[in-house]
């Protein structure tokens, strides 16, 4: 049973939601044709699940893994305007030009990002 502010929230028993810690070297996909370990392999389930969003292989952090297509769409589709916040720690000191580049925005595979 799930409650929010004392109110019972209906839960679909067919849907699963996991918050998985993705270590460095693990990729944020459901399957990999190159045999690399995936974040889905970290979750103990026989259900077909997928990660919501991505972290680079060189990154570590929490990734939502689910079989909930509606939630995945709500979180990832740009039309819903869900803001994502990432905390990044870097080794050493980034150059002034790297800081300017991140502040003005960089183009990623799935669209623009900025710090």
N, C-alpha and C. Protein backbone atom coordinates (compact mmCIF):
# COMPACT_ATOMS: atom_id res chain seq x y z
N UNK A 1 0.84 -1.16 0.00
CA UNK A 1 0.00 0.00 0.00
C UNK A 1 0.89 1.24 0.00
N UNK A 2 0.51 2.23 -0.80
CA UNK A 2 1.24 3.49 -0.87
C UNK A 2 0.33 4.59 -0.37
N UNK A 3 0.89 5.46 0.48
CA UNK A 3 0.13 6.61 0.99
C UNK A 3 0.92 7.88 0.74
N UNK A 4 0.18 8.95 0.43
CA UNK A 4 0.76 10.27 0.26
C UNK A 4 -0.10 11.23 1.06
N UNK A 5 0.52 11.92 2.02
CA UNK A 5 -0.20 12.84 2.91
C UNK A 5 -1.39 12.14 3.58
N UNK A 6 -1.20 10.87 3.93
CA UNK A 6 -2.24 10.12 4.61
C UNK A 6 -3.30 9.52 3.70
N UNK A 7 -3.24 9.86 2.42
CA UNK A 7 -4.23 9.34 1.46
C UNK A 7 -3.67 8.14 0.72
N UNK A 8 -4.49 7.10 0.62
CA UNK A 8 -4.07 5.90 -0.09
C UNK A 8 -4.02 6.17 -1.59
N UNK A 9 -2.93 5.76 -2.21
CA UNK A 9 -2.72 5.93 -3.65
C UNK A 9 -2.90 4.56 -4.30
N UNK A 10 -3.77 4.46 -5.32
CA UNK A 10 -3.92 3.17 -5.99
C UNK A 10 -2.62 2.76 -6.69
N UNK A 11 -2.31 1.49 -6.59
CA UNK A 11 -1.08 0.96 -7.18
C UNK A 11 -1.45 -0.18 -8.13
N UNK A 12 -0.86 -0.15 -9.33
CA UNK A 12 -1.05 -1.23 -10.29
C UNK A 12 -0.05 -2.34 -9.95
N UNK A 13 -0.52 -3.51 -9.53
CA UNK A 13 0.40 -4.57 -9.12
C UNK A 13 1.24 -5.14 -10.26
N UNK A 14 0.89 -4.82 -11.50
CA UNK A 14 1.66 -5.32 -12.64
C UNK A 14 2.87 -4.44 -12.95
N UNK A 15 2.93 -3.26 -12.34
CA UNK A 15 4.03 -2.34 -12.62
C UNK A 15 5.08 -2.42 -11.52
N UNK A 16 6.34 -2.35 -11.93
CA UNK A 16 7.45 -2.35 -10.96
C UNK A 16 8.31 -1.12 -11.19
N UNK A 17 8.89 -0.63 -10.10
CA UNK A 17 9.75 0.55 -10.15
C UNK A 17 10.94 0.29 -9.23
N UNK A 18 12.13 0.34 -9.78
CA UNK A 18 13.35 0.12 -9.02
C UNK A 18 14.23 1.37 -9.14
N UNK A 19 14.89 1.72 -8.07
CA UNK A 19 15.91 2.76 -8.11
C UNK A 19 17.24 2.03 -7.98
N UNK A 20 17.99 1.96 -9.07
CA UNK A 20 19.21 1.17 -9.12
C UNK A 20 20.44 2.07 -9.11
N UNK A 21 21.46 1.67 -8.35
CA UNK A 21 22.74 2.37 -8.38
C UNK A 21 23.54 1.83 -9.57
N UNK A 22 23.87 2.72 -10.52
CA UNK A 22 24.66 2.35 -11.69
C UNK A 22 26.12 2.73 -11.45
N UNK A 23 26.99 1.74 -11.31
CA UNK A 23 28.41 2.06 -11.14
C UNK A 23 29.08 2.41 -12.47
N UNK A 24 30.26 2.97 -12.38
CA UNK A 24 31.07 3.26 -13.57
C UNK A 24 31.29 1.96 -14.34
N UNK A 25 31.20 2.02 -15.66
CA UNK A 25 31.43 0.86 -16.51
C UNK A 25 30.17 0.12 -16.91
N UNK A 26 29.07 0.37 -16.22
CA UNK A 26 27.78 -0.24 -16.56
C UNK A 26 27.05 0.74 -17.47
N UNK A 27 26.38 0.23 -18.50
CA UNK A 27 25.70 1.13 -19.43
C UNK A 27 24.21 1.20 -19.13
N UNK A 28 23.62 2.34 -19.46
CA UNK A 28 22.21 2.61 -19.14
C UNK A 28 21.29 2.21 -20.28
N UNK A 29 21.30 0.94 -20.62
CA UNK A 29 20.38 0.41 -21.62
C UNK A 29 19.82 -0.91 -21.11
N UNK A 30 18.79 -1.39 -21.78
CA UNK A 30 18.20 -2.67 -21.39
C UNK A 30 19.03 -3.84 -21.91
N UNK A 31 19.61 -3.67 -23.11
CA UNK A 31 20.41 -4.73 -23.73
C UNK A 31 21.63 -4.10 -24.39
N UNK A 32 22.68 -4.89 -24.55
CA UNK A 32 23.87 -4.39 -25.23
C UNK A 32 24.41 -5.46 -26.17
N UNK A 33 24.56 -5.10 -27.43
CA UNK A 33 25.05 -6.06 -28.43
C UNK A 33 26.55 -6.32 -28.31
N UNK A 34 27.24 -5.52 -27.50
CA UNK A 34 28.69 -5.69 -27.32
C UNK A 34 29.03 -6.47 -26.05
N UNK A 35 28.01 -6.98 -25.37
CA UNK A 35 28.26 -7.81 -24.20
C UNK A 35 28.61 -7.06 -22.93
N UNK A 36 28.44 -5.74 -22.93
CA UNK A 36 28.73 -4.97 -21.72
C UNK A 36 27.60 -5.15 -20.71
N UNK A 37 27.93 -4.98 -19.45
CA UNK A 37 26.93 -5.10 -18.38
C UNK A 37 25.98 -3.91 -18.45
N UNK A 38 24.68 -4.17 -18.26
CA UNK A 38 23.68 -3.11 -18.34
C UNK A 38 23.04 -2.87 -16.97
N UNK A 39 22.46 -1.69 -16.81
CA UNK A 39 21.81 -1.34 -15.55
C UNK A 39 20.62 -2.26 -15.27
N UNK A 40 19.98 -2.78 -16.31
CA UNK A 40 18.85 -3.70 -16.12
C UNK A 40 19.31 -4.99 -15.46
N UNK A 41 20.54 -5.42 -15.73
CA UNK A 41 21.07 -6.64 -15.11
C UNK A 41 21.28 -6.48 -13.60
N UNK A 42 21.28 -5.25 -13.12
CA UNK A 42 21.46 -4.99 -11.69
C UNK A 42 20.17 -5.19 -10.90
N UNK A 43 19.05 -5.31 -11.61
CA UNK A 43 17.73 -5.39 -10.97
C UNK A 43 17.28 -6.85 -10.92
N UNK A 44 16.83 -7.29 -9.76
CA UNK A 44 16.42 -8.67 -9.57
C UNK A 44 14.95 -8.84 -9.95
N UNK A 45 14.70 -9.07 -11.24
CA UNK A 45 13.34 -9.31 -11.72
C UNK A 45 13.39 -10.12 -13.01
N UNK A 46 12.35 -10.90 -13.24
CA UNK A 46 12.21 -11.62 -14.50
C UNK A 46 11.35 -10.85 -15.48
N UNK A 47 10.81 -9.72 -15.06
CA UNK A 47 9.97 -8.90 -15.92
C UNK A 47 10.81 -8.12 -16.92
N UNK A 48 10.20 -7.75 -18.04
CA UNK A 48 10.88 -6.89 -19.02
C UNK A 48 10.84 -5.46 -18.48
N UNK A 49 12.01 -4.93 -18.15
CA UNK A 49 12.12 -3.57 -17.63
C UNK A 49 13.16 -2.81 -18.43
N UNK A 50 13.19 -1.50 -18.27
CA UNK A 50 14.13 -0.64 -18.99
C UNK A 50 14.48 0.55 -18.11
N UNK A 51 15.63 1.17 -18.38
CA UNK A 51 16.01 2.36 -17.61
C UNK A 51 15.26 3.59 -18.12
N UNK A 52 14.95 4.50 -17.21
CA UNK A 52 14.32 5.76 -17.56
C UNK A 52 15.43 6.80 -17.60
N UNK A 53 15.81 7.22 -18.80
CA UNK A 53 16.94 8.13 -18.95
C UNK A 53 18.25 7.37 -19.00
N UNK A 54 19.34 8.15 -19.02
CA UNK A 54 20.66 7.53 -19.17
C UNK A 54 21.70 8.26 -18.33
N UNK A 55 22.70 7.50 -17.96
CA UNK A 55 23.95 8.04 -17.46
C UNK A 55 25.04 7.44 -18.33
N UNK A 56 26.06 8.21 -18.65
CA UNK A 56 27.17 7.70 -19.45
C UNK A 56 27.84 6.52 -18.74
N UNK A 57 28.52 5.69 -19.51
CA UNK A 57 29.22 4.54 -18.93
C UNK A 57 30.26 4.99 -17.91
N UNK A 58 30.86 6.17 -18.11
CA UNK A 58 31.87 6.69 -17.19
C UNK A 58 31.27 7.35 -15.96
N UNK A 59 29.93 7.39 -15.87
CA UNK A 59 29.25 8.04 -14.75
C UNK A 59 28.68 6.99 -13.81
N UNK A 60 28.46 7.40 -12.57
CA UNK A 60 27.78 6.55 -11.61
C UNK A 60 26.63 7.34 -11.00
N UNK A 61 25.62 6.62 -10.54
CA UNK A 61 24.50 7.30 -9.91
C UNK A 61 23.25 6.46 -9.94
N UNK A 62 22.15 7.07 -9.52
CA UNK A 62 20.87 6.37 -9.45
C UNK A 62 20.12 6.46 -10.76
N UNK A 63 19.54 5.33 -11.16
CA UNK A 63 18.76 5.25 -12.39
C UNK A 63 17.44 4.55 -12.05
N UNK A 64 16.34 5.13 -12.51
CA UNK A 64 15.04 4.50 -12.35
C UNK A 64 14.90 3.41 -13.42
N UNK A 65 14.53 2.20 -13.00
CA UNK A 65 14.31 1.07 -13.90
C UNK A 65 12.88 0.59 -13.67
N UNK A 66 12.11 0.45 -14.75
CA UNK A 66 10.69 0.16 -14.61
C UNK A 66 10.13 -0.58 -15.82
N UNK A 67 8.90 -1.03 -15.69
CA UNK A 67 8.13 -1.53 -16.83
C UNK A 67 6.91 -0.62 -17.05
N UNK A 68 6.94 0.56 -16.47
CA UNK A 68 5.84 1.52 -16.51
C UNK A 68 6.05 2.49 -17.68
N UNK A 69 5.43 2.17 -18.82
CA UNK A 69 5.59 2.99 -20.01
C UNK A 69 5.04 4.39 -19.86
N UNK A 70 3.91 4.54 -19.16
CA UNK A 70 3.34 5.88 -18.96
C UNK A 70 4.28 6.76 -18.15
N UNK A 71 4.84 6.23 -17.08
CA UNK A 71 5.78 7.00 -16.26
C UNK A 71 7.03 7.33 -17.06
N UNK A 72 7.55 6.36 -17.80
CA UNK A 72 8.73 6.60 -18.63
C UNK A 72 8.48 7.74 -19.60
N UNK A 73 7.35 7.72 -20.27
CA UNK A 73 7.00 8.77 -21.23
C UNK A 73 6.88 10.13 -20.53
N UNK A 74 6.23 10.15 -19.37
CA UNK A 74 6.05 11.40 -18.63
C UNK A 74 7.39 12.01 -18.25
N UNK A 75 8.32 11.19 -17.82
CA UNK A 75 9.62 11.69 -17.36
C UNK A 75 10.53 12.07 -18.52
N UNK A 76 10.49 11.32 -19.61
CA UNK A 76 11.50 11.51 -20.67
C UNK A 76 11.05 12.36 -21.84
N UNK A 77 9.76 12.44 -22.13
CA UNK A 77 9.33 13.18 -23.32
C UNK A 77 9.39 14.69 -23.07
N UNK A 78 10.04 15.43 -23.96
CA UNK A 78 10.20 16.88 -23.76
C UNK A 78 8.89 17.65 -23.61
N UNK A 79 7.80 17.17 -24.19
CA UNK A 79 6.55 17.94 -24.12
C UNK A 79 6.03 18.10 -22.69
N UNK A 80 6.48 17.25 -21.77
CA UNK A 80 6.03 17.36 -20.38
C UNK A 80 6.90 18.32 -19.56
N UNK A 81 8.03 18.74 -20.12
CA UNK A 81 8.86 19.75 -19.47
C UNK A 81 9.42 19.36 -18.11
N UNK A 82 9.67 18.08 -17.90
CA UNK A 82 10.23 17.63 -16.63
C UNK A 82 11.72 18.01 -16.59
N UNK A 83 12.09 18.79 -15.60
CA UNK A 83 13.48 19.22 -15.44
C UNK A 83 14.26 18.12 -14.74
N UNK A 84 15.43 17.83 -15.27
CA UNK A 84 16.32 16.85 -14.65
C UNK A 84 17.53 17.59 -14.09
N UNK A 85 17.94 17.22 -12.90
CA UNK A 85 19.09 17.85 -12.27
C UNK A 85 20.14 16.77 -12.00
N UNK A 86 21.36 17.05 -12.39
CA UNK A 86 22.46 16.12 -12.17
C UNK A 86 23.52 16.82 -11.33
N UNK A 87 24.13 16.10 -10.43
CA UNK A 87 25.26 16.60 -9.66
C UNK A 87 26.50 15.93 -10.23
N UNK A 88 27.45 16.74 -10.64
CA UNK A 88 28.64 16.21 -11.31
C UNK A 88 29.88 16.60 -10.52
N UNK A 89 30.71 15.62 -10.23
CA UNK A 89 32.01 15.86 -9.62
C UNK A 89 33.07 15.54 -10.66
N UNK A 90 34.03 16.42 -10.83
CA UNK A 90 35.08 16.20 -11.83
C UNK A 90 36.42 16.11 -11.13
N UNK A 91 37.33 15.36 -11.75
CA UNK A 91 38.70 15.29 -11.26
C UNK A 91 39.44 16.51 -11.76
N UNK A 92 40.18 17.17 -10.89
CA UNK A 92 40.94 18.34 -11.29
C UNK A 92 40.07 19.58 -11.43
N UNK A 93 40.63 20.59 -12.07
CA UNK A 93 39.93 21.86 -12.27
C UNK A 93 39.58 22.01 -13.73
N UNK A 94 38.29 22.17 -14.05
CA UNK A 94 37.92 22.40 -15.45
C UNK A 94 38.46 23.74 -15.92
N UNK A 95 38.83 23.79 -17.19
CA UNK A 95 39.36 25.03 -17.76
C UNK A 95 38.26 26.07 -17.85
N UNK A 96 38.62 27.35 -17.90
CA UNK A 96 37.61 28.40 -18.08
C UNK A 96 36.77 28.19 -19.34
N UNK A 97 37.39 27.71 -20.43
CA UNK A 97 36.61 27.50 -21.65
C UNK A 97 35.63 26.34 -21.48
N UNK A 98 36.00 25.30 -20.74
CA UNK A 98 35.08 24.19 -20.48
C UNK A 98 33.89 24.67 -19.65
N UNK A 99 34.15 25.52 -18.68
CA UNK A 99 33.06 26.07 -17.86
C UNK A 99 32.15 26.94 -18.70
N UNK A 100 32.72 27.78 -19.57
CA UNK A 100 31.91 28.62 -20.46
C UNK A 100 31.06 27.76 -21.39
N UNK A 101 31.66 26.72 -21.93
CA UNK A 101 30.95 25.83 -22.85
C UNK A 101 29.76 25.16 -22.15
N UNK A 102 29.97 24.64 -20.96
CA UNK A 102 28.88 24.01 -20.22
C UNK A 102 27.81 25.01 -19.81
N UNK A 103 28.23 26.22 -19.46
CA UNK A 103 27.27 27.24 -19.04
C UNK A 103 26.39 27.70 -20.20
N UNK A 104 26.96 27.75 -21.40
CA UNK A 104 26.18 28.21 -22.55
C UNK A 104 25.39 27.07 -23.19
N UNK A 105 25.78 25.84 -22.90
CA UNK A 105 25.04 24.68 -23.41
C UNK A 105 25.85 23.85 -24.38
N UNK A 106 25.63 22.56 -24.32
CA UNK A 106 26.26 21.63 -25.25
C UNK A 106 25.18 20.74 -25.84
N UNK A 107 25.42 20.27 -27.04
CA UNK A 107 24.45 19.42 -27.72
C UNK A 107 24.77 17.96 -27.44
N UNK A 108 23.81 17.25 -26.86
CA UNK A 108 23.95 15.83 -26.59
C UNK A 108 23.11 15.05 -27.60
N UNK A 109 23.22 13.72 -27.58
CA UNK A 109 22.45 12.88 -28.50
C UNK A 109 20.95 13.16 -28.43
N UNK A 110 20.47 13.39 -27.21
CA UNK A 110 19.02 13.57 -27.03
C UNK A 110 18.61 15.02 -26.85
N UNK A 111 19.49 15.95 -27.22
CA UNK A 111 19.12 17.37 -27.17
C UNK A 111 20.11 18.19 -26.37
N UNK A 112 19.83 19.48 -26.26
CA UNK A 112 20.77 20.38 -25.59
C UNK A 112 20.78 20.18 -24.08
N UNK A 113 21.94 20.48 -23.49
CA UNK A 113 22.10 20.43 -22.04
C UNK A 113 23.00 21.58 -21.64
N UNK A 114 22.79 22.08 -20.43
CA UNK A 114 23.67 23.13 -19.93
C UNK A 114 23.79 23.01 -18.43
N UNK A 115 24.85 23.61 -17.93
CA UNK A 115 25.10 23.57 -16.48
C UNK A 115 24.91 24.95 -15.89
